[in-house]
Amino acid sequence: MRKTNDIRVVRTQKALLEALDQLIKTKKLSCVSITELCSAADINRNTFYYHYNNINDLITENKQILEAELNEVLDVNNTRSRTTINEICKVLKRHPLFLSILVSPNCDVDLFEEIFGIASEKARIQIDRHKDITSASDLYSTYYCNAGCNAVLSAWIRSGMKESPDEVAEIISLSSRKGPISVLFPED
């Protein structure tokens, strides 16, 4: 279906993602049939097949759209990590249905780590530009920050993305700079 402004295509894609998000709450992604998905989305199977060959094509296309947006943000905002985290959160906020599907325990496709691998890799490159990471301590600290960032984003998605991108970016930025213990227990 490719990213488009055609309202019919946008509605169809949204209906498919909403239906898939509901279906994946009760069954594995691999067990969802196209007939079942189209019925839940209230679209004709021919419409589905006009755009996709199978459900994995729907997932892959949404993944590519999200990755392209993340890469764009990460290429443009490469100077201040707080700004970059905020922009990443804004991109994620535009894709709540797809991300809800990805973080579902019933999603057999492990794309969440793949998508956030982009952000983690870009963060590592940024750190490399500012500091040579040669010690195990520096390398593991980088991994720790990236894993923590991914955990916060995953929890945010699972909870329905109620907080603003700015609030989540501030939590990630503050925890990364000061450490989670200092944030949780500022007096100690």
N, C-alpha and C. Protein backbone atom coordinates (compact mmCIF):
# COMPACT_ATOMS: atom_id res chain seq x y z
N MET A 1 0.81 -1.19 0.00
CA MET A 1 0.00 0.00 0.00
C MET A 1 0.85 1.25 0.00
N ARG A 2 2.07 1.22 0.32
CA ARG A 2 2.95 2.37 0.31
C ARG A 2 2.34 3.58 1.01
N LYS A 3 3.20 4.38 1.56
CA LYS A 3 2.75 5.58 2.26
C LYS A 3 2.11 6.53 1.24
N THR A 4 0.91 6.95 1.56
CA THR A 4 0.15 7.78 0.63
C THR A 4 -0.78 8.71 1.38
N ASN A 5 -1.29 9.69 0.68
CA ASN A 5 -2.29 10.58 1.27
C ASN A 5 -3.69 10.24 0.77
N ASP A 6 -3.82 9.23 -0.09
CA ASP A 6 -5.12 8.80 -0.59
C ASP A 6 -5.95 8.30 0.59
N ILE A 7 -7.03 9.01 0.87
CA ILE A 7 -7.84 8.73 2.07
C ILE A 7 -8.38 7.30 2.10
N ARG A 8 -8.71 6.76 0.94
CA ARG A 8 -9.23 5.37 0.89
C ARG A 8 -8.16 4.38 1.31
N VAL A 9 -6.96 4.59 0.81
CA VAL A 9 -5.85 3.69 1.15
C VAL A 9 -5.50 3.83 2.63
N VAL A 10 -5.47 5.06 3.12
CA VAL A 10 -5.17 5.30 4.53
C VAL A 10 -6.21 4.62 5.43
N ARG A 11 -7.48 4.75 5.07
CA ARG A 11 -8.55 4.11 5.86
C ARG A 11 -8.43 2.59 5.83
N THR A 12 -8.12 2.05 4.65
CA THR A 12 -7.99 0.60 4.53
C THR A 12 -6.84 0.09 5.38
N GLN A 13 -5.70 0.78 5.30
CA GLN A 13 -4.55 0.35 6.09
C GLN A 13 -4.84 0.47 7.59
N LYS A 14 -5.48 1.55 7.99
CA LYS A 14 -5.83 1.71 9.40
C LYS A 14 -6.79 0.62 9.85
N ALA A 15 -7.78 0.31 9.02
CA ALA A 15 -8.74 -0.76 9.37
C ALA A 15 -8.03 -2.10 9.51
N LEU A 16 -7.09 -2.38 8.63
CA LEU A 16 -6.35 -3.65 8.72
C LEU A 16 -5.50 -3.70 9.98
N LEU A 17 -4.83 -2.62 10.29
CA LEU A 17 -4.00 -2.60 11.50
C LEU A 17 -4.84 -2.68 12.77
N GLU A 18 -5.98 -1.98 12.80
CA GLU A 18 -6.87 -2.07 13.96
C GLU A 18 -7.37 -3.49 14.14
N ALA A 19 -7.78 -4.11 13.04
CA ALA A 19 -8.28 -5.49 13.11
C ALA A 19 -7.17 -6.44 13.57
N LEU A 20 -5.99 -6.29 13.00
CA LEU A 20 -4.88 -7.15 13.38
C LEU A 20 -4.50 -6.94 14.84
N ASP A 21 -4.53 -5.71 15.30
CA ASP A 21 -4.23 -5.41 16.70
C ASP A 21 -5.23 -6.12 17.62
N GLN A 22 -6.49 -6.15 17.24
CA GLN A 22 -7.50 -6.84 18.06
C GLN A 22 -7.33 -8.35 17.98
N LEU A 23 -7.11 -8.87 16.79
CA LEU A 23 -6.98 -10.32 16.62
C LEU A 23 -5.75 -10.88 17.33
N ILE A 24 -4.67 -10.13 17.31
CA ILE A 24 -3.42 -10.61 17.91
C ILE A 24 -3.49 -10.64 19.44
N LYS A 25 -4.49 -10.04 19.99
CA LYS A 25 -4.67 -10.09 21.45
C LYS A 25 -5.14 -11.46 21.90
N THR A 26 -5.74 -12.22 20.98
CA THR A 26 -6.28 -13.53 21.36
C THR A 26 -5.62 -14.70 20.66
N LYS A 27 -4.79 -14.43 19.65
CA LYS A 27 -4.14 -15.54 18.94
C LYS A 27 -2.82 -15.09 18.33
N LYS A 28 -1.99 -16.07 18.05
CA LYS A 28 -0.69 -15.81 17.44
C LYS A 28 -0.87 -15.20 16.06
N LEU A 29 0.04 -14.34 15.69
CA LEU A 29 0.01 -13.70 14.38
C LEU A 29 -0.02 -14.75 13.27
N SER A 30 0.76 -15.80 13.42
CA SER A 30 0.83 -16.84 12.39
C SER A 30 -0.49 -17.61 12.24
N CYS A 31 -1.37 -17.49 13.21
CA CYS A 31 -2.66 -18.18 13.14
C CYS A 31 -3.79 -17.31 12.60
N VAL A 32 -3.51 -16.04 12.34
CA VAL A 32 -4.53 -15.13 11.80
C VAL A 32 -4.61 -15.34 10.29
N SER A 33 -5.81 -15.65 9.82
CA SER A 33 -6.00 -15.85 8.37
C SER A 33 -6.38 -14.53 7.71
N ILE A 34 -6.16 -14.47 6.43
CA ILE A 34 -6.51 -13.28 5.66
C ILE A 34 -8.03 -13.09 5.68
N THR A 35 -8.77 -14.16 5.57
CA THR A 35 -10.24 -14.08 5.63
C THR A 35 -10.69 -13.49 6.95
N GLU A 36 -10.10 -13.96 8.02
CA GLU A 36 -10.43 -13.47 9.37
C GLU A 36 -10.05 -12.00 9.52
N LEU A 37 -8.89 -11.63 9.03
CA LEU A 37 -8.42 -10.25 9.11
C LEU A 37 -9.33 -9.32 8.31
N CYS A 38 -9.68 -9.73 7.09
CA CYS A 38 -10.54 -8.90 6.24
C CYS A 38 -11.93 -8.76 6.83
N SER A 39 -12.43 -9.82 7.41
CA SER A 39 -13.75 -9.76 8.05
C SER A 39 -13.72 -8.80 9.24
N ALA A 40 -12.69 -8.90 10.06
CA ALA A 40 -12.58 -8.02 11.22
C ALA A 40 -12.38 -6.57 10.80
N ALA A 41 -11.70 -6.35 9.67
CA ALA A 41 -11.44 -4.99 9.18
C ALA A 41 -12.58 -4.47 8.33
N ASP A 42 -13.53 -5.35 8.03
CA ASP A 42 -14.68 -5.00 7.18
C ASP A 42 -14.23 -4.50 5.81
N ILE A 43 -13.26 -5.24 5.26
CA ILE A 43 -12.83 -4.94 3.88
C ILE A 43 -12.92 -6.22 3.06
N ASN A 44 -13.01 -6.06 1.77
CA ASN A 44 -13.09 -7.17 0.85
C ASN A 44 -11.72 -7.83 0.71
N ARG A 45 -11.72 -9.15 0.59
CA ARG A 45 -10.44 -9.87 0.41
C ARG A 45 -9.71 -9.39 -0.85
N ASN A 46 -10.47 -9.07 -1.89
CA ASN A 46 -9.85 -8.58 -3.12
C ASN A 46 -9.07 -7.29 -2.88
N THR A 47 -9.63 -6.45 -2.01
CA THR A 47 -8.93 -5.20 -1.66
C THR A 47 -7.61 -5.54 -0.97
N PHE A 48 -7.66 -6.49 -0.05
CA PHE A 48 -6.43 -6.90 0.63
C PHE A 48 -5.41 -7.39 -0.40
N TYR A 49 -5.85 -8.31 -1.27
CA TYR A 49 -4.93 -8.90 -2.25
C TYR A 49 -4.47 -7.90 -3.31
N TYR A 50 -5.20 -6.84 -3.50
CA TYR A 50 -4.75 -5.80 -4.42
C TYR A 50 -3.47 -5.15 -3.91
N HIS A 51 -3.37 -5.06 -2.58
CA HIS A 51 -2.22 -4.38 -1.96
C HIS A 51 -1.16 -5.34 -1.42
N TYR A 52 -1.57 -6.52 -0.97
CA TYR A 52 -0.65 -7.44 -0.29
C TYR A 52 -0.85 -8.86 -0.78
N ASN A 53 0.22 -9.65 -0.66
CA ASN A 53 0.12 -11.09 -0.96
C ASN A 53 -0.27 -11.88 0.28
N ASN A 54 0.15 -11.36 1.44
CA ASN A 54 -0.13 -12.05 2.70
C ASN A 54 0.02 -11.06 3.86
N ILE A 55 -0.24 -11.53 5.05
CA ILE A 55 -0.18 -10.65 6.23
C ILE A 55 1.25 -10.19 6.49
N ASN A 56 2.22 -11.03 6.19
CA ASN A 56 3.62 -10.61 6.38
C ASN A 56 3.96 -9.42 5.49
N ASP A 57 3.36 -9.33 4.32
CA ASP A 57 3.58 -8.15 3.46
C ASP A 57 3.06 -6.88 4.14
N LEU A 58 1.91 -6.99 4.79
CA LEU A 58 1.35 -5.85 5.54
C LEU A 58 2.32 -5.43 6.64
N ILE A 59 2.84 -6.41 7.38
CA ILE A 59 3.79 -6.13 8.46
C ILE A 59 5.08 -5.53 7.89
N THR A 60 5.59 -6.13 6.85
CA THR A 60 6.85 -5.66 6.26
C THR A 60 6.72 -4.24 5.74
N GLU A 61 5.62 -3.94 5.08
CA GLU A 61 5.44 -2.58 4.56
C GLU A 61 5.41 -1.55 5.68
N ASN A 62 4.67 -1.85 6.74
CA ASN A 62 4.62 -0.92 7.88
C ASN A 62 5.98 -0.79 8.55
N LYS A 63 6.72 -1.87 8.60
CA LYS A 63 8.08 -1.84 9.15
C LYS A 63 8.96 -0.92 8.31
N GLN A 64 8.87 -1.05 7.00
CA GLN A 64 9.70 -0.21 6.11
C GLN A 64 9.35 1.27 6.25
N ILE A 65 8.07 1.57 6.37
CA ILE A 65 7.65 2.96 6.54
C ILE A 65 8.21 3.52 7.85
N LEU A 66 8.07 2.75 8.93
CA LEU A 66 8.57 3.18 10.23
C LEU A 66 10.09 3.33 10.21
N GLU A 67 10.79 2.35 9.63
CA GLU A 67 12.25 2.43 9.55
C GLU A 67 12.70 3.65 8.75
N ALA A 68 12.02 3.94 7.66
CA ALA A 68 12.38 5.10 6.84
C ALA A 68 12.22 6.39 7.65
N GLU A 69 11.13 6.50 8.40
CA GLU A 69 10.92 7.69 9.23
C GLU A 69 11.97 7.79 10.33
N LEU A 70 12.30 6.66 10.94
CA LEU A 70 13.33 6.67 11.99
C LEU A 70 14.69 7.05 11.41
N ASN A 71 15.04 6.49 10.26
CA ASN A 71 16.32 6.82 9.63
C ASN A 71 16.39 8.28 9.26
N GLU A 72 15.28 8.84 8.81
CA GLU A 72 15.24 10.25 8.46
C GLU A 72 15.51 11.12 9.68
N VAL A 73 14.86 10.80 10.77
CA VAL A 73 15.05 11.54 12.02
C VAL A 73 16.47 11.39 12.52
N LEU A 74 16.99 10.18 12.45
CA LEU A 74 18.32 9.93 12.98
C LEU A 74 19.41 10.54 12.11
N ASP A 75 19.15 10.71 10.84
CA ASP A 75 20.14 11.35 9.97
C ASP A 75 20.12 12.87 10.14
N VAL A 76 18.94 13.44 10.39
CA VAL A 76 18.80 14.89 10.52
C VAL A 76 19.25 15.35 11.90
N ASN A 77 18.77 14.70 12.92
CA ASN A 77 19.05 15.12 14.31
C ASN A 77 20.19 14.31 14.88
N ASN A 78 21.39 14.62 14.47
CA ASN A 78 22.49 13.82 14.96
C ASN A 78 23.42 14.57 15.91
N THR A 79 22.96 15.68 16.43
CA THR A 79 23.85 16.44 17.29
C THR A 79 23.49 16.35 18.76
N ARG A 80 22.21 16.48 19.10
CA ARG A 80 21.81 16.45 20.51
C ARG A 80 20.97 15.22 20.78
N SER A 81 21.41 14.39 21.69
CA SER A 81 20.69 13.14 21.94
C SER A 81 19.28 13.38 22.46
N ARG A 82 19.07 14.39 23.30
CA ARG A 82 17.74 14.68 23.84
C ARG A 82 16.77 15.01 22.70
N THR A 83 17.23 15.82 21.75
CA THR A 83 16.42 16.18 20.60
C THR A 83 16.12 14.94 19.76
N THR A 84 17.12 14.12 19.56
CA THR A 84 16.95 12.91 18.75
C THR A 84 15.96 11.96 19.42
N ILE A 85 16.08 11.76 20.71
CA ILE A 85 15.15 10.88 21.42
C ILE A 85 13.73 11.42 21.30
N ASN A 86 13.56 12.71 21.43
CA ASN A 86 12.24 13.34 21.30
C ASN A 86 11.67 13.08 19.90
N GLU A 87 12.49 13.24 18.88
CA GLU A 87 12.04 13.02 17.50
C GLU A 87 11.70 11.56 17.26
N ILE A 88 12.48 10.65 17.83
CA ILE A 88 12.17 9.22 17.72
C ILE A 88 10.81 8.94 18.35
N CYS A 89 10.57 9.50 19.52
CA CYS A 89 9.29 9.31 20.20
C CYS A 89 8.13 9.86 19.38
N LYS A 90 8.34 10.99 18.72
CA LYS A 90 7.30 11.56 17.85
C LYS A 90 6.98 10.63 16.68
N VAL A 91 8.02 10.05 16.10
CA VAL A 91 7.81 9.10 15.01
C VAL A 91 7.01 7.90 15.51
N LEU A 92 7.41 7.37 16.65
CA LEU A 92 6.72 6.21 17.21
C LEU A 92 5.26 6.52 17.50
N LYS A 93 5.00 7.71 18.02
CA LYS A 93 3.64 8.11 18.37
C LYS A 93 2.72 8.12 17.14
N ARG A 94 3.29 8.28 15.95
CA ARG A 94 2.50 8.28 14.72
C ARG A 94 2.12 6.87 14.27
N HIS A 95 2.66 5.84 14.92
CA HIS A 95 2.42 4.46 14.50
C HIS A 95 1.95 3.56 15.67
N PRO A 96 0.98 4.00 16.45
CA PRO A 96 0.62 3.23 17.65
C PRO A 96 0.06 1.84 17.35
N LEU A 97 -0.74 1.70 16.31
CA LEU A 97 -1.32 0.38 16.02
C LEU A 97 -0.25 -0.62 15.61
N PHE A 98 0.60 -0.22 14.71
CA PHE A 98 1.65 -1.13 14.26
C PHE A 98 2.57 -1.52 15.41
N LEU A 99 2.95 -0.55 16.23
CA LEU A 99 3.83 -0.85 17.35
C LEU A 99 3.15 -1.71 18.40
N SER A 100 1.86 -1.50 18.60
CA SER A 100 1.10 -2.35 19.52
C SER A 100 1.13 -3.80 19.05
N ILE A 101 1.03 -3.99 17.76
CA ILE A 101 1.11 -5.34 17.19
C ILE A 101 2.49 -5.93 17.44
N LEU A 102 3.53 -5.15 17.19
CA LEU A 102 4.90 -5.65 17.34
C LEU A 102 5.25 -6.04 18.77
N VAL A 103 4.74 -5.30 19.75
CA VAL A 103 5.10 -5.62 21.14
C VAL A 103 4.15 -6.64 21.76
N SER A 104 3.15 -7.08 21.01
CA SER A 104 2.22 -8.08 21.52
C SER A 104 2.94 -9.40 21.77
N PRO A 105 2.61 -10.08 22.87
CA PRO A 105 3.22 -11.39 23.11
C PRO A 105 2.86 -12.41 22.02
N ASN A 106 1.78 -12.15 21.29
CA ASN A 106 1.37 -13.08 20.23
C ASN A 106 1.97 -12.77 18.87
N CYS A 107 2.80 -11.77 18.80
CA CYS A 107 3.45 -11.45 17.53
C CYS A 107 4.65 -12.38 17.36
N ASP A 108 4.58 -13.26 16.37
CA ASP A 108 5.69 -14.20 16.17
C ASP A 108 6.84 -13.57 15.40
N VAL A 109 6.62 -12.39 14.87
CA VAL A 109 7.64 -11.72 14.09
C VAL A 109 8.43 -10.81 15.03
N ASP A 110 9.72 -11.06 15.16
CA ASP A 110 10.53 -10.30 16.11
C ASP A 110 11.11 -9.07 15.42
N LEU A 111 10.24 -8.13 15.09
CA LEU A 111 10.68 -6.92 14.41
C LEU A 111 10.99 -5.79 15.37
N PHE A 112 10.46 -5.87 16.58
CA PHE A 112 10.68 -4.79 17.53
C PHE A 112 12.17 -4.55 17.74
N GLU A 113 12.91 -5.63 18.02
CA GLU A 113 14.35 -5.49 18.23
C GLU A 113 15.05 -5.01 16.97
N GLU A 114 14.57 -5.48 15.82
CA GLU A 114 15.16 -5.06 14.55
C GLU A 114 14.97 -3.56 14.33
N ILE A 115 13.77 -3.07 14.58
CA ILE A 115 13.48 -1.65 14.39
C ILE A 115 14.30 -0.80 15.36
N PHE A 116 14.35 -1.22 16.61
CA PHE A 116 15.09 -0.43 17.58
C PHE A 116 16.59 -0.65 17.48
N GLY A 117 16.98 -1.67 16.74
CA GLY A 117 18.40 -1.85 16.44
C GLY A 117 18.92 -0.68 15.62
N ILE A 118 18.07 -0.09 14.79
CA ILE A 118 18.45 1.08 14.00
C ILE A 118 18.83 2.21 14.93
N ALA A 119 17.97 2.50 15.88
CA ALA A 119 18.23 3.59 16.83
C ALA A 119 19.47 3.28 17.66
N SER A 120 19.60 2.04 18.10
CA SER A 120 20.76 1.67 18.92
C SER A 120 22.06 1.81 18.14
N GLU A 121 22.04 1.37 16.89
CA GLU A 121 23.24 1.47 16.05
C GLU A 121 23.61 2.93 15.81
N LYS A 122 22.61 3.76 15.53
CA LYS A 122 22.88 5.18 15.31
C LYS A 122 23.42 5.82 16.58
N ALA A 123 22.88 5.42 17.73
CA ALA A 123 23.38 5.97 19.01
C ALA A 123 24.83 5.57 19.22
N ARG A 124 25.16 4.32 18.90
CA ARG A 124 26.54 3.86 19.04
C ARG A 124 27.46 4.65 18.13
N ILE A 125 27.03 4.90 16.90
CA ILE A 125 27.83 5.69 15.96
C ILE A 125 28.05 7.09 16.51
N GLN A 126 26.99 7.68 17.06
CA GLN A 126 27.11 9.03 17.63
C GLN A 126 28.10 9.05 18.78
N ILE A 127 28.04 8.05 19.62
CA ILE A 127 28.96 7.99 20.76
C ILE A 127 30.38 7.82 20.24
N ASP A 128 30.55 6.98 19.21
CA ASP A 128 31.87 6.77 18.63
C ASP A 128 32.46 8.06 18.09
N ARG A 129 31.61 8.95 17.55
CA ARG A 129 32.09 10.22 17.01
C ARG A 129 32.64 11.12 18.11
N HIS A 130 32.05 11.03 19.28
CA HIS A 130 32.43 11.92 20.38
C HIS A 130 33.47 11.30 21.30
N LYS A 131 33.57 10.00 21.27
CA LYS A 131 34.48 9.35 22.21
C LYS A 131 34.84 7.97 21.64
N ASP A 132 36.09 7.66 21.68
CA ASP A 132 36.50 6.32 21.24
C ASP A 132 36.10 5.33 22.32
N ILE A 133 35.24 4.41 21.94
CA ILE A 133 34.81 3.39 22.90
C ILE A 133 35.74 2.20 22.73
N THR A 134 36.69 2.13 23.61
CA THR A 134 37.64 1.04 23.53
C THR A 134 37.56 0.13 24.75
N SER A 135 37.13 0.68 25.87
CA SER A 135 37.08 -0.15 27.08
C SER A 135 35.77 -0.92 27.14
N ALA A 136 35.82 -2.04 27.81
CA ALA A 136 34.62 -2.85 28.00
C ALA A 136 33.57 -2.06 28.78
N SER A 137 34.02 -1.25 29.71
CA SER A 137 33.11 -0.45 30.53
C SER A 137 32.30 0.51 29.66
N ASP A 138 32.98 1.21 28.74
CA ASP A 138 32.29 2.13 27.85
C ASP A 138 31.32 1.40 26.94
N LEU A 139 31.75 0.29 26.39
CA LEU A 139 30.91 -0.49 25.49
C LEU A 139 29.67 -1.01 26.21
N TYR A 140 29.86 -1.58 27.39
CA TYR A 140 28.71 -2.12 28.14
C TYR A 140 27.78 -1.01 28.63
N SER A 141 28.34 0.14 28.95
CA SER A 141 27.49 1.27 29.35
C SER A 141 26.62 1.72 28.18
N THR A 142 27.18 1.70 26.98
CA THR A 142 26.40 2.04 25.79
C THR A 142 25.25 1.04 25.61
N TYR A 143 25.57 -0.24 25.74
CA TYR A 143 24.52 -1.27 25.62
C TYR A 143 23.45 -1.09 26.70
N TYR A 144 23.89 -0.77 27.90
CA TYR A 144 22.96 -0.56 29.01
C TYR A 144 21.98 0.57 28.70
N CYS A 145 22.52 1.68 28.22
CA CYS A 145 21.66 2.84 27.88
C CYS A 145 20.69 2.48 26.75
N ASN A 146 21.19 1.79 25.72
CA ASN A 146 20.32 1.42 24.61
C ASN A 146 19.22 0.45 25.05
N ALA A 147 19.59 -0.53 25.86
CA ALA A 147 18.59 -1.50 26.33
C ALA A 147 17.55 -0.82 27.22
N GLY A 148 18.00 0.10 28.06
CA GLY A 148 17.08 0.85 28.91
C GLY A 148 16.14 1.70 28.09
N CYS A 149 16.68 2.35 27.08
CA CYS A 149 15.86 3.17 26.18
C CYS A 149 14.80 2.31 25.51
N ASN A 150 15.21 1.15 24.98
CA ASN A 150 14.26 0.25 24.33
C ASN A 150 13.20 -0.25 25.31
N ALA A 151 13.60 -0.51 26.55
CA ALA A 151 12.65 -0.99 27.55
C ALA A 151 11.61 0.08 27.87
N VAL A 152 12.06 1.35 28.00
CA VAL A 152 11.12 2.45 28.26
C VAL A 152 10.16 2.60 27.09
N LEU A 153 10.69 2.58 25.86
CA LEU A 153 9.83 2.73 24.68
C LEU A 153 8.84 1.59 24.57
N SER A 154 9.28 0.38 24.85
CA SER A 154 8.39 -0.79 24.80
C SER A 154 7.27 -0.65 25.84
N ALA A 155 7.63 -0.26 27.06
CA ALA A 155 6.62 -0.08 28.11
C ALA A 155 5.65 1.04 27.73
N TRP A 156 6.15 2.10 27.15
CA TRP A 156 5.31 3.22 26.70
C TRP A 156 4.30 2.75 25.66
N ILE A 157 4.77 1.96 24.71
CA ILE A 157 3.88 1.44 23.66
C ILE A 157 2.84 0.51 24.28
N ARG A 158 3.27 -0.40 25.14
CA ARG A 158 2.34 -1.36 25.77
C ARG A 158 1.28 -0.65 26.62
N SER A 159 1.64 0.49 27.20
CA SER A 159 0.67 1.20 28.05
C SER A 159 -0.23 2.15 27.26
N GLY A 160 -0.11 2.13 25.93
CA GLY A 160 -1.00 2.93 25.12
C GLY A 160 -0.48 4.32 24.76
N MET A 161 0.79 4.56 24.99
CA MET A 161 1.44 5.83 24.64
C MET A 161 0.69 7.04 25.19
N LYS A 162 0.33 6.98 26.46
CA LYS A 162 -0.44 8.06 27.09
C LYS A 162 0.41 9.31 27.31
N GLU A 163 1.67 9.12 27.65
CA GLU A 163 2.55 10.26 27.87
C GLU A 163 2.96 10.85 26.51
N SER A 164 3.30 12.12 26.54
CA SER A 164 3.72 12.78 25.30
C SER A 164 5.12 12.31 24.93
N PRO A 165 5.48 12.43 23.64
CA PRO A 165 6.84 12.10 23.24
C PRO A 165 7.89 12.87 24.04
N ASP A 166 7.59 14.14 24.34
CA ASP A 166 8.52 14.96 25.11
C ASP A 166 8.72 14.40 26.52
N GLU A 167 7.64 13.95 27.16
CA GLU A 167 7.76 13.38 28.51
C GLU A 167 8.61 12.11 28.50
N VAL A 168 8.38 11.25 27.52
CA VAL A 168 9.13 10.00 27.44
C VAL A 168 10.60 10.28 27.13
N ALA A 169 10.84 11.22 26.22
CA ALA A 169 12.21 11.58 25.88
C ALA A 169 12.95 12.13 27.11
N GLU A 170 12.26 12.90 27.92
CA GLU A 170 12.88 13.45 29.13
C GLU A 170 13.23 12.34 30.11
N ILE A 171 12.34 11.36 30.26
CA ILE A 171 12.62 10.22 31.16
C ILE A 171 13.84 9.47 30.68
N ILE A 172 13.89 9.19 29.39
CA ILE A 172 15.02 8.44 28.82
C ILE A 172 16.31 9.25 28.96
N SER A 173 16.25 10.51 28.61
CA SER A 173 17.44 11.37 28.66
C SER A 173 17.97 11.51 30.08
N LEU A 174 17.08 11.77 31.01
CA LEU A 174 17.48 11.94 32.41
C LEU A 174 18.06 10.65 32.98
N SER A 175 17.40 9.52 32.71
CA SER A 175 17.89 8.23 33.21
C SER A 175 19.23 7.87 32.58
N SER A 176 19.40 8.22 31.32
CA SER A 176 20.67 7.91 30.64
C SER A 176 21.81 8.77 31.18
N ARG A 177 21.51 10.03 31.46
CA ARG A 177 22.55 10.94 31.95
C ARG A 177 22.90 10.70 33.41
N LYS A 178 21.88 10.55 34.24
CA LYS A 178 22.12 10.47 35.69
C LYS A 178 22.09 9.05 36.23
N GLY A 179 21.50 8.13 35.48
CA GLY A 179 21.34 6.76 35.94
C GLY A 179 19.99 6.59 36.61
N PRO A 180 19.37 5.44 36.44
CA PRO A 180 18.02 5.24 36.98
C PRO A 180 17.95 5.32 38.51
N ILE A 181 18.97 4.89 39.19
CA ILE A 181 18.95 4.94 40.66
C ILE A 181 18.94 6.39 41.13
N SER A 182 19.74 7.25 40.52
CA SER A 182 19.77 8.67 40.88
C SER A 182 18.44 9.34 40.59
N VAL A 183 17.77 8.92 39.53
CA VAL A 183 16.47 9.49 39.18
C VAL A 183 15.41 9.04 40.16
N LEU A 184 15.44 7.74 40.50
CA LEU A 184 14.44 7.19 41.42
C LEU A 184 14.65 7.66 42.87
N PHE A 185 15.89 7.77 43.28
CA PHE A 185 16.23 8.14 44.66
C PHE A 185 17.19 9.32 44.67
N PRO A 186 16.69 10.52 44.37
CA PRO A 186 17.58 11.69 44.23
C PRO A 186 18.29 12.09 45.53
N GLU A 187 17.76 11.74 46.68
CA GLU A 187 18.39 12.16 47.94
C GLU A 187 19.55 11.28 48.32
N ASP A 188 19.59 10.05 47.84
CA ASP A 188 20.65 9.11 48.26
C ASP A 188 21.99 9.47 47.70
